[in-house]
Protein backbone atom coordinates (compact mmCIF):
# COMPACT_ATOMS: atom_id res chain seq x y z
CA MET A 1 21.28 -33.72 -14.29
CA PRO A 2 22.12 -34.83 -10.72
CA LEU A 3 24.05 -31.84 -10.06
CA ALA A 4 21.35 -29.49 -12.01
CA ALA A 5 19.08 -30.89 -9.63
CA ILE A 6 20.67 -30.18 -6.78
CA GLY A 7 21.63 -26.43 -8.25
CA VAL A 8 17.34 -26.22 -8.40
CA PHE A 9 16.89 -27.15 -5.12
CA MET A 10 19.97 -25.21 -3.42
CA LEU A 11 17.50 -22.09 -5.26
CA TRP A 12 14.62 -23.45 -3.68
CA LEU A 13 16.04 -23.26 -0.47
CA GLY A 14 17.36 -19.69 -1.20
CA TRP A 15 14.28 -18.41 -2.69
CA TYR A 16 12.58 -18.52 0.92
CA GLY A 17 14.88 -16.35 1.93
CA PHE A 18 14.45 -13.88 -0.56
CA ASN A 19 11.04 -13.85 -0.46
CA GLY A 20 10.64 -14.30 3.57
CA GLY A 21 13.02 -11.05 3.65
CA SER A 22 11.35 -9.11 0.40
CA VAL A 23 8.52 -8.22 3.50
CA LEU A 24 10.60 -6.26 5.34
CA SER A 25 8.78 -7.38 8.83
CA ALA A 26 9.88 -10.27 10.74
CA ASP A 27 6.13 -10.86 11.87
CA PRO A 28 5.50 -14.66 12.54
CA ARG A 29 2.43 -14.67 10.61
CA GLY A 30 3.53 -12.88 7.63
CA VAL A 31 6.51 -14.67 6.54
CA SER A 32 5.34 -18.20 7.13
CA TYR A 33 2.40 -17.38 4.95
CA VAL A 34 5.39 -15.70 2.40
CA PHE A 35 6.66 -19.20 2.70
CA VAL A 36 3.41 -21.04 1.52
CA ILE A 37 2.71 -19.32 -1.26
CA THR A 38 6.49 -19.12 -2.28
CA THR A 39 6.36 -23.39 -1.95
CA LEU A 40 2.94 -23.48 -3.31
CA ALA A 41 4.04 -21.54 -6.86
CA ALA A 42 6.69 -24.67 -7.24
CA ALA A 43 3.86 -26.30 -8.75
CA GLY A 44 5.33 -25.15 -11.64
CA ALA A 45 7.65 -28.37 -11.95
CA VAL A 46 4.02 -30.37 -12.25
CA SER A 47 2.50 -28.63 -15.68
CA ALA A 48 6.45 -28.41 -16.99
CA MET A 49 7.21 -31.86 -16.95
CA VAL A 50 3.53 -32.40 -18.51
CA VAL A 51 3.53 -29.76 -21.12
CA SER A 52 6.78 -30.59 -22.16
CA TRP A 53 5.76 -34.54 -22.41
CA ALA A 54 2.76 -33.83 -24.38
CA LEU A 55 5.15 -31.60 -26.88
CA LEU A 56 8.35 -33.91 -26.81
CA LYS A 57 7.51 -36.77 -26.17
CA LYS A 58 8.99 -37.74 -23.40
CA PRO A 59 9.28 -36.44 -19.71
CA ASP A 60 12.15 -33.84 -19.57
CA LEU A 61 14.03 -33.30 -15.71
CA SER A 62 15.04 -30.31 -17.66
CA MET A 63 11.71 -29.17 -17.95
CA GLY A 64 11.01 -29.95 -14.78
CA LEU A 65 13.18 -28.29 -13.08
CA ASN A 66 12.98 -25.20 -14.88
CA GLY A 67 9.38 -25.37 -14.01
CA VAL A 68 9.89 -25.14 -10.16
CA LEU A 69 12.10 -22.29 -10.94
CA VAL A 70 9.30 -20.11 -12.67
CA GLY A 71 6.80 -20.60 -10.01
CA LEU A 72 9.18 -19.55 -7.78
CA VAL A 73 10.05 -16.35 -10.11
CA GLY A 74 6.62 -15.65 -11.15
CA ILE A 75 5.33 -15.30 -7.46
CA THR A 76 8.40 -13.07 -6.14
CA VAL A 77 6.28 -10.58 -7.37
CA GLY A 78 3.44 -11.37 -5.12
CA ALA A 79 4.58 -13.49 -2.78
CA ASP A 80 3.19 -11.55 0.16
CA SER A 81 -0.54 -10.52 -1.64
CA VAL A 82 -1.78 -13.50 -3.61
CA SER A 83 -3.82 -15.85 -2.26
CA MET A 84 -2.75 -19.97 -2.28
CA SER A 85 -5.17 -21.18 -4.99
CA GLY A 86 -3.53 -18.13 -6.63
CA SER A 87 0.00 -18.88 -6.60
CA ILE A 88 -0.83 -22.62 -7.76
CA TRP A 89 -2.19 -20.84 -10.79
CA ILE A 90 0.47 -18.64 -11.35
CA GLY A 91 2.86 -21.31 -10.77
CA VAL A 92 1.16 -23.78 -13.17
CA ILE A 93 0.91 -21.41 -15.63
CA ALA A 94 4.32 -20.34 -15.52
CA GLY A 95 5.21 -23.93 -15.81
CA ALA A 96 3.66 -24.25 -19.10
CA ILE A 97 4.67 -20.81 -20.13
CA VAL A 98 8.30 -21.52 -19.91
CA VAL A 99 8.43 -24.82 -22.03
CA PHE A 100 7.27 -23.30 -25.32
CA SER A 101 9.32 -19.90 -24.18
CA ILE A 102 12.84 -22.03 -24.39
CA ILE A 103 11.57 -24.34 -27.73
CA PHE A 104 10.79 -21.09 -29.19
CA PHE A 105 14.10 -19.15 -28.01
CA ASP A 106 15.89 -22.76 -29.29
CA LYS A 107 14.01 -21.91 -32.88
CA ILE A 108 15.56 -18.72 -33.80
CA LYS A 109 18.93 -20.08 -32.48
CA ILE A 110 19.61 -17.47 -29.42
CA ASP A 111 21.83 -19.12 -27.78
CA ASP A 112 20.60 -19.77 -24.38
CA PRO A 113 21.47 -23.33 -23.28
CA VAL A 114 19.70 -22.79 -19.69
CA GLY A 115 16.87 -21.45 -20.49
CA ALA A 116 17.46 -17.83 -18.63
CA ILE A 117 15.74 -15.64 -20.76
CA SER A 118 12.13 -17.99 -20.69
CA VAL A 119 12.85 -18.47 -16.89
CA HIS A 120 14.01 -14.95 -15.98
CA GLY A 121 12.77 -13.05 -18.32
CA ILE A 122 8.97 -14.61 -19.98
CA CYS A 123 8.24 -16.03 -16.28
CA GLY A 124 9.33 -13.38 -14.66
CA ILE A 125 6.63 -10.59 -16.82
CA TRP A 126 4.51 -13.47 -16.49
CA GLY A 127 5.07 -13.09 -13.03
CA THR A 128 4.88 -8.75 -12.60
CA LEU A 129 1.61 -9.21 -14.09
CA ALA A 130 0.01 -12.22 -12.50
CA VAL A 131 -0.03 -10.73 -8.99
CA ALA A 132 -2.63 -7.56 -10.43
CA ILE A 133 -4.57 -11.21 -12.22
CA PHE A 134 -4.84 -12.65 -8.72
CA SER A 135 -4.10 -9.75 -6.20
CA ASP A 136 -5.61 -6.25 -5.34
CA ALA A 137 -2.53 -4.98 -4.75
CA ALA A 138 -1.51 -3.54 -8.11
CA PRO A 139 -3.55 -2.36 -11.12
CA PHE A 140 -2.90 -4.36 -14.24
CA MET A 141 -2.16 -1.47 -16.72
CA LEU A 142 0.52 -0.36 -13.69
CA GLN A 143 1.99 -3.74 -13.83
CA LEU A 144 2.50 -3.65 -17.70
CA ILE A 145 3.64 -0.15 -18.28
CA GLY A 146 6.26 -0.85 -15.41
CA THR A 147 7.53 -3.80 -16.68
CA LEU A 148 7.57 -2.62 -20.58
CA SER A 149 9.85 0.33 -19.10
CA VAL A 150 12.34 -1.85 -17.24
CA SER A 151 12.38 -4.67 -20.68
CA ALA A 152 13.20 -1.49 -23.03
CA PHE A 153 15.54 -0.24 -20.79
CA ALA A 154 17.13 -3.35 -20.13
CA PHE A 155 17.27 -4.32 -23.59
CA VAL A 156 18.71 -0.73 -24.73
CA VAL A 157 21.41 -0.89 -22.48
CA SER A 158 22.13 -4.63 -22.59
CA LEU A 159 22.54 -3.93 -27.17
CA VAL A 160 24.86 -0.97 -26.34
CA LEU A 161 27.01 -2.72 -23.65
CA ALA A 162 27.23 -6.47 -25.81
CA LEU A 163 27.88 -4.05 -29.09
CA VAL A 164 30.72 -1.90 -27.01
CA ILE A 165 32.77 -5.52 -26.18
CA LYS A 166 32.13 -7.14 -29.82
CA ALA A 167 33.72 -4.23 -31.26
CA THR A 168 36.53 -4.10 -28.83
CA ILE A 169 37.65 -7.54 -26.70
CA GLY A 170 34.89 -9.66 -28.69
CA ILE A 171 32.29 -12.15 -27.44
CA ARG A 172 32.73 -15.20 -29.05
CA VAL A 173 35.74 -17.87 -28.20
CA SER A 174 36.87 -19.80 -31.42
CA ALA A 175 35.59 -22.92 -32.36
CA ASP A 176 37.89 -25.14 -31.05
CA GLU A 177 38.09 -23.70 -27.63
CA GLU A 178 34.00 -24.02 -27.25
CA ALA A 179 34.22 -27.17 -28.10
CA GLU A 180 36.97 -28.36 -25.87
CA GLY A 181 35.92 -26.30 -22.53
CA LEU A 182 36.08 -22.78 -21.31
CA ASP A 183 37.25 -23.77 -18.07
CA ILE A 184 40.33 -25.13 -20.19
CA GLY A 185 40.89 -22.47 -22.34
CA GLU A 186 39.79 -19.45 -20.39
CA HIS A 187 41.43 -20.85 -16.60
CA GLY A 188 43.59 -23.44 -17.52
CA ALA A 189 41.98 -25.81 -15.39
CA ALA A 190 38.81 -28.96 -16.17
CA ALA A 191 35.85 -28.42 -13.77
CA TYR A 192 35.02 -32.23 -14.69
CA PRO A 193 37.95 -34.06 -14.51
CA ASP A 194 36.37 -37.03 -13.97
CA PHE A 195 34.54 -36.54 -17.28
CA THR A 196 37.45 -36.02 -19.93
CA PRO A 197 37.20 -38.15 -22.61
CA ALA A 198 39.40 -41.18 -22.85
CA HIS A 199 42.02 -40.59 -24.97
CA LYS A 200 42.66 -37.42 -23.44
CA GLY A 201 43.31 -39.02 -20.16
């Protein structure tokens, strides 16, 4: 969990460059506004923690960290056009959505250990639609059509590529290799040597 938290903080810092550069302007006022909006949207951490606590009966740190990420993902589309209160709502709603989404994908046994589908896929869709709800930068139907078009294209292309890889070199490793760790099986080195089981030391 400490390594995951450090990773999220690094991503959060990088998001300022990403969102700040996305406006394609060096105007200090405009870029500063984007920085503030981006920061406020990270309020998704709070709602993700609260919702996970209510559903799972414990404050789940990984859900809180994902809450930060979904707030940042959700605000990226409209970082230069939504209001400060709008950015908080986008982040808070994304934080609640991600908890339900991760639980859903776990229940249907989708192999997504870090919640990437929920964080970037589901909450990315939410952020794309939210810019039309919380600002007048784009009409809702245009955002919806764009979201559905890109999602359909990505699904079809990914499915075709996955089927080709499965039929040729294979996708999954053996159960033994998975238990031992892909760092050893694929690269011949332990990624976390300090955490090697005692009987292998």
